[in-house]
């Protein structure tokens, strides 16, 4: 305490000068619109740089975990799929069965999880080949569907959206269901329209269904947490835990079906 008092006594002129300067700047910024805007712009730039620095630091400390996840994912892909890679392009062509998909890697720059209608923004857009209605996945499971696209960015309708409806399939029984987000919890979704004869167990795997024009078949969706019987006794429901943790989502893949134009032309004739 004595050291603090001595410091103030020794430098009281400098401290007084700094306080007067701050007061003058505040008064000036409030009196004239030009000066006010200049101060606000300077403040925003400083704060923006701080946030950017903090994000870079966070990404640096997450590098080890990210690299481990990428290594595990690449190993799994090599085991399950026939991969054709072009080292000159930032894409991956994956030949699975008779359908060819192009996987475009992207980074999440904005993500909401606490709204009724949640969206995700990624740092890839039209110039990278992204178009509306393309499906989006993470290393752990499905994420959502592209809705709007600009030159360098794209908006994704997250699974955590009140209007999101995805056709799914239970891995063990092959029975189909409809996934909706009605839980208001970013970790859980609800599968509806489940036949009453189907017996589900906790931990059963839920995958994407076979009849989607957006998502490829058999992508990971989540696992069964709890089942519910409806009052009418016709169809049941199941609460599932999403395999993707939307709260920590950083990297995604946008899936481009190279036969989309052909499929759309056939669908238009229905």
Protein backbone atom coordinates (compact mmCIF):
# COMPACT_ATOMS: atom_id res chain seq x y z
CA UNK A 1 0.00 0.00 0.00
CA UNK A 2 2.86 2.38 0.86
CA UNK A 3 4.50 1.63 -2.47
CA UNK A 4 1.27 2.54 -4.27
CA UNK A 5 0.99 5.84 -2.41
CA UNK A 6 4.64 6.66 -3.16
CA UNK A 7 4.09 5.83 -6.84
CA UNK A 8 1.07 8.17 -7.03
CA UNK A 9 2.94 10.96 -5.23
CA UNK A 10 5.90 10.60 -7.54
CA UNK A 11 3.86 10.47 -10.78
CA UNK A 12 0.76 12.47 -9.87
CA UNK A 13 1.33 15.00 -12.67
CA UNK A 14 1.48 12.26 -15.30
CA UNK A 15 -1.60 10.50 -13.88
CA UNK A 16 -3.54 13.77 -13.81
CA UNK A 17 -2.54 14.50 -17.41
CA UNK A 18 -3.77 11.07 -18.59
CA UNK A 19 -7.09 11.46 -16.77
CA UNK A 20 -7.65 14.89 -18.31
CA UNK A 21 -6.85 13.52 -21.77
CA UNK A 22 -9.40 10.71 -21.35
CA UNK A 23 -12.06 13.17 -20.17
CA UNK A 24 -11.37 15.46 -23.12
CA UNK A 25 -11.67 12.60 -25.61
CA UNK A 26 -14.97 11.48 -24.07
CA UNK A 27 -16.41 14.99 -24.15
CA UNK A 28 -15.26 15.53 -27.71
CA UNK A 29 -16.68 12.23 -28.93
CA UNK A 30 -20.10 13.08 -27.47
CA UNK A 31 -20.24 16.61 -28.83
CA UNK A 32 -19.54 16.03 -32.55
CA UNK A 33 -20.84 13.19 -34.76
CA UNK A 34 -17.60 13.06 -36.73
CA UNK A 35 -15.44 12.67 -33.65
CA UNK A 36 -17.92 10.23 -32.12
CA UNK A 37 -17.79 8.03 -35.22
CA UNK A 38 -14.00 8.20 -35.31
CA UNK A 39 -13.74 7.06 -31.69
CA UNK A 40 -16.24 4.24 -32.25
CA UNK A 41 -14.39 3.01 -35.34
CA UNK A 42 -11.10 3.02 -33.48
CA UNK A 43 -12.66 1.14 -30.56
CA UNK A 44 -14.26 -1.44 -32.84
CA UNK A 45 -10.97 -2.03 -34.63
CA UNK A 46 -9.15 -2.57 -31.34
CA UNK A 47 -11.84 -4.90 -29.99
CA UNK A 48 -11.98 -6.76 -33.30
CA UNK A 49 -8.24 -7.33 -33.25
CA UNK A 50 -8.47 -8.60 -29.67
CA UNK A 51 -11.20 -11.09 -30.61
CA UNK A 52 -9.23 -12.17 -33.66
CA UNK A 53 -6.11 -12.67 -31.54
CA UNK A 54 -8.10 -14.65 -28.99
CA UNK A 55 -9.58 -16.83 -31.72
CA UNK A 56 -6.13 -17.51 -33.18
CA UNK A 57 -4.80 -18.47 -29.74
CA UNK A 58 -7.76 -20.79 -29.16
CA UNK A 59 -7.29 -22.42 -32.56
CA UNK A 60 -3.59 -22.92 -31.81
CA UNK A 61 -4.30 -24.80 -28.58
CA UNK A 62 -6.96 -26.90 -30.36
CA UNK A 63 -4.54 -27.98 -33.09
CA UNK A 64 -3.54 -31.22 -31.38
CA UNK A 65 -7.12 -32.36 -30.88
CA UNK A 66 -8.08 -31.27 -34.40
CA UNK A 67 -5.18 -33.14 -35.97
CA UNK A 68 -6.08 -36.27 -34.01
CA UNK A 69 -9.68 -36.08 -35.23
CA UNK A 70 -8.56 -35.56 -38.84
CA UNK A 71 -6.16 -38.49 -38.63
CA UNK A 72 -8.87 -40.78 -37.25
CA UNK A 73 -11.34 -39.62 -39.90
CA UNK A 74 -8.87 -40.14 -42.75
CA UNK A 75 -8.04 -43.62 -41.48
CA UNK A 76 -11.74 -44.51 -41.34
CA UNK A 77 -12.35 -43.18 -44.85
CA UNK A 78 -9.47 -45.20 -46.25
CA UNK A 79 -10.86 -48.34 -44.64
CA UNK A 80 -14.44 -47.89 -45.80
CA UNK A 81 -14.26 -46.02 -49.12
CA UNK A 82 -12.41 -45.95 -52.38
CA UNK A 83 -10.78 -42.52 -52.32
CA UNK A 84 -9.54 -40.67 -55.39
CA UNK A 85 -7.62 -37.54 -54.37
CA UNK A 86 -6.27 -34.73 -56.49
CA UNK A 87 -3.47 -33.02 -54.56
CA UNK A 88 -3.83 -29.86 -56.65
CA UNK A 89 -7.40 -29.28 -55.44
CA UNK A 90 -8.81 -28.60 -52.00
CA UNK A 91 -11.54 -31.22 -52.47
CA UNK A 92 -11.98 -34.97 -52.16
CA UNK A 93 -13.80 -37.17 -54.65
CA UNK A 94 -15.24 -40.19 -52.87
CA UNK A 95 -16.57 -43.06 -54.96
CA UNK A 96 -19.08 -45.04 -52.93
CA UNK A 97 -21.19 -47.65 -54.74
CA UNK A 98 -22.48 -46.02 -57.96
CA UNK A 99 -22.63 -42.44 -56.71
CA UNK A 100 -19.80 -39.92 -56.69
CA UNK A 101 -19.72 -37.17 -54.09
CA UNK A 102 -17.36 -34.25 -53.80
CA UNK A 103 -16.48 -33.29 -50.23
CA UNK A 104 -15.56 -29.62 -49.81
CA UNK A 105 -13.90 -28.80 -46.45
CA UNK A 106 -14.91 -25.56 -44.72
CA UNK A 107 -14.53 -23.79 -41.40
CA UNK A 108 -17.38 -22.54 -39.21
CA UNK A 109 -17.19 -18.77 -38.68
CA UNK A 110 -20.54 -18.32 -36.90
CA UNK A 111 -22.86 -20.75 -35.16
CA UNK A 112 -26.00 -20.46 -33.01
CA UNK A 113 -27.45 -23.21 -30.82
CA UNK A 114 -29.90 -21.48 -28.46
CA UNK A 115 -32.51 -20.11 -30.87
CA UNK A 116 -35.66 -21.73 -32.21
CA UNK A 117 -34.18 -21.48 -35.71
CA UNK A 118 -30.41 -21.90 -35.64
CA UNK A 119 -28.03 -21.21 -38.51
CA UNK A 120 -24.35 -21.81 -39.26
CA UNK A 121 -22.09 -19.69 -41.48
CA UNK A 122 -19.04 -21.24 -43.18
CA UNK A 123 -16.11 -19.65 -45.02
CA UNK A 124 -16.85 -21.23 -48.42
CA UNK A 125 -19.29 -19.95 -51.08
CA UNK A 126 -20.15 -19.84 -54.77
CA UNK A 127 -16.52 -19.47 -55.81
CA UNK A 128 -15.79 -22.76 -54.04
CA UNK A 129 -18.65 -24.62 -55.73
CA UNK A 130 -21.14 -24.35 -52.87
CA UNK A 131 -24.84 -24.24 -53.84
CA UNK A 132 -28.15 -24.26 -51.92
CA UNK A 133 -29.54 -27.66 -50.82
CA UNK A 134 -26.13 -29.27 -50.43
CA UNK A 135 -25.78 -31.39 -47.31
CA UNK A 136 -23.21 -30.59 -44.62
CA UNK A 137 -21.51 -32.99 -42.23
CA UNK A 138 -18.89 -32.89 -39.49
CA UNK A 139 -16.28 -35.56 -38.72
CA UNK A 140 -18.83 -37.00 -36.26
CA UNK A 141 -22.14 -36.82 -38.16
CA UNK A 142 -24.60 -34.72 -40.14
CA UNK A 143 -24.88 -30.97 -39.51
CA UNK A 144 -27.49 -29.43 -41.80
CA UNK A 145 -28.34 -28.18 -45.29
CA UNK A 146 -27.00 -25.16 -47.22
CA UNK A 147 -29.67 -22.47 -47.61
CA UNK A 148 -28.08 -19.25 -48.92
CA UNK A 149 -24.75 -18.68 -50.66
CA UNK A 150 -22.62 -15.60 -51.39
CA UNK A 151 -19.30 -15.46 -53.22
CA UNK A 152 -17.19 -16.45 -50.21
CA UNK A 153 -19.65 -17.61 -47.53
CA UNK A 154 -22.66 -19.88 -47.11
CA UNK A 155 -25.47 -20.13 -44.58
CA UNK A 156 -26.52 -23.55 -43.32
CA UNK A 157 -29.87 -24.50 -41.82
CA UNK A 158 -28.69 -26.42 -38.77
CA UNK A 159 -30.32 -29.61 -37.52
CA UNK A 160 -31.14 -27.36 -34.56
CA UNK A 161 -33.93 -25.66 -36.51
CA UNK A 162 -37.66 -25.90 -35.90
CA UNK A 163 -38.30 -26.48 -39.63
CA UNK A 164 -35.59 -29.13 -40.09
CA UNK A 165 -36.98 -32.52 -41.17
CA UNK A 166 -34.58 -35.36 -42.07
CA UNK A 167 -35.41 -38.91 -43.11
CA UNK A 168 -33.49 -41.40 -40.96
CA UNK A 169 -33.09 -45.16 -40.54
CA UNK A 170 -32.38 -47.36 -37.53
CA UNK A 171 -29.26 -49.40 -38.29
CA UNK A 172 -30.30 -52.63 -36.57
CA UNK A 173 -33.89 -52.96 -37.81
CA UNK A 174 -33.62 -50.95 -41.06
CA UNK A 175 -36.91 -49.24 -40.11
CA UNK A 176 -37.39 -45.63 -41.20
CA UNK A 177 -38.34 -42.55 -39.21
CA UNK A 178 -38.46 -38.75 -39.36
CA UNK A 179 -35.98 -36.62 -37.42
CA UNK A 180 -37.15 -33.26 -36.06
CA UNK A 181 -35.67 -30.85 -33.53
CA UNK A 182 -38.36 -30.39 -30.89
CA UNK A 183 -36.27 -30.81 -27.73
CA UNK A 184 -34.82 -27.24 -27.59
CA UNK A 185 -31.55 -28.87 -26.52
CA UNK A 186 -28.55 -28.78 -28.86
CA UNK A 187 -27.51 -32.32 -27.90
CA UNK A 188 -30.84 -34.05 -28.62
CA UNK A 189 -33.40 -34.53 -31.40
CA UNK A 190 -36.63 -36.49 -31.76
CA UNK A 191 -37.34 -39.29 -34.25
CA UNK A 192 -41.06 -39.63 -34.98
CA UNK A 193 -43.30 -42.00 -36.99
CA UNK A 194 -41.71 -45.14 -35.53
CA UNK A 195 -43.81 -48.35 -35.96
CA UNK A 196 -45.12 -49.69 -32.64
CA UNK A 197 -43.78 -53.19 -33.29
CA UNK A 198 -40.20 -51.89 -33.41
CA UNK A 199 -38.22 -52.54 -30.22
CA UNK A 200 -35.53 -49.94 -29.65
CA UNK A 201 -32.72 -50.09 -27.12
CA UNK A 202 -30.61 -47.33 -25.63
CA UNK A 203 -27.53 -46.81 -27.77
CA UNK A 204 -29.09 -48.03 -31.05
CA UNK A 205 -27.53 -46.24 -34.03
CA UNK A 206 -29.52 -43.82 -36.18
CA UNK A 207 -28.34 -43.13 -39.76
CA UNK A 208 -29.53 -41.07 -42.71
CA UNK A 209 -32.22 -42.79 -44.77
CA UNK A 210 -31.98 -44.18 -48.32
CA UNK A 211 -34.48 -41.89 -50.07
CA UNK A 212 -33.02 -38.42 -49.53
CA UNK A 213 -32.06 -36.22 -52.50
CA UNK A 214 -29.79 -34.22 -50.18
CA UNK A 215 -27.98 -36.50 -47.72
CA UNK A 216 -26.11 -39.62 -48.84
CA UNK A 217 -27.32 -42.82 -47.23
CA UNK A 218 -25.91 -44.24 -43.98
CA UNK A 219 -24.33 -41.07 -42.57
CA UNK A 220 -24.14 -40.99 -38.78
CA UNK A 221 -26.97 -39.05 -37.08
CA UNK A 222 -26.93 -40.17 -33.45
CA UNK A 223 -27.90 -42.83 -30.92
CA UNK A 224 -31.14 -43.65 -29.13
CA UNK A 225 -31.45 -42.21 -25.61
CA UNK A 226 -35.08 -42.86 -24.71
CA UNK A 227 -38.32 -44.06 -26.34
CA UNK A 228 -41.89 -42.79 -25.91
CA UNK A 229 -45.25 -44.38 -26.64
CA UNK A 230 -47.92 -42.18 -28.19
CA UNK A 231 -51.37 -41.94 -26.63
CA UNK A 232 -53.04 -43.29 -29.79
CA UNK A 233 -50.75 -46.30 -29.90
CA UNK A 234 -50.15 -45.95 -33.65
CA UNK A 235 -46.59 -44.62 -33.92
CA UNK A 236 -43.91 -44.11 -31.31
CA UNK A 237 -41.12 -41.56 -30.82
CA UNK A 238 -37.49 -41.79 -29.76
CA UNK A 239 -35.20 -39.18 -28.26
CA UNK A 240 -31.73 -39.40 -29.81
CA UNK A 241 -28.40 -37.89 -28.92
CA UNK A 242 -26.78 -36.17 -31.90
CA UNK A 243 -23.35 -37.54 -32.79
CA UNK A 244 -22.32 -33.99 -33.73
CA UNK A 245 -21.65 -31.64 -30.83
CA UNK A 246 -22.91 -28.33 -32.22
CA UNK A 247 -21.47 -26.35 -29.31
CA UNK A 248 -17.89 -27.21 -30.32
CA UNK A 249 -18.39 -27.35 -34.10
CA UNK A 250 -15.33 -25.99 -35.93
CA UNK A 251 -14.80 -27.88 -39.19
CA UNK A 252 -17.37 -29.28 -41.65
CA UNK A 253 -17.62 -30.84 -45.11
CA UNK A 254 -20.11 -29.70 -47.75
CA UNK A 255 -21.24 -32.65 -49.89
CA UNK A 256 -21.78 -32.06 -53.59
CA UNK A 257 -23.58 -34.79 -55.52
CA UNK A 258 -22.10 -34.70 -59.02
CA UNK A 259 -25.33 -36.19 -60.42
CA UNK A 260 -27.66 -33.59 -58.87
CA UNK A 261 -28.70 -32.09 -62.21
CA UNK A 262 -29.70 -35.50 -63.55
CA UNK A 263 -31.61 -36.37 -60.37
CA UNK A 264 -33.42 -33.01 -60.35
CA UNK A 265 -34.54 -33.45 -63.96
CA UNK A 266 -36.06 -36.83 -63.10
CA UNK A 267 -37.68 -35.51 -59.94
CA UNK A 268 -39.28 -32.65 -61.88
CA UNK A 269 -41.22 -35.22 -63.92
CA UNK A 270 -42.93 -36.75 -60.87
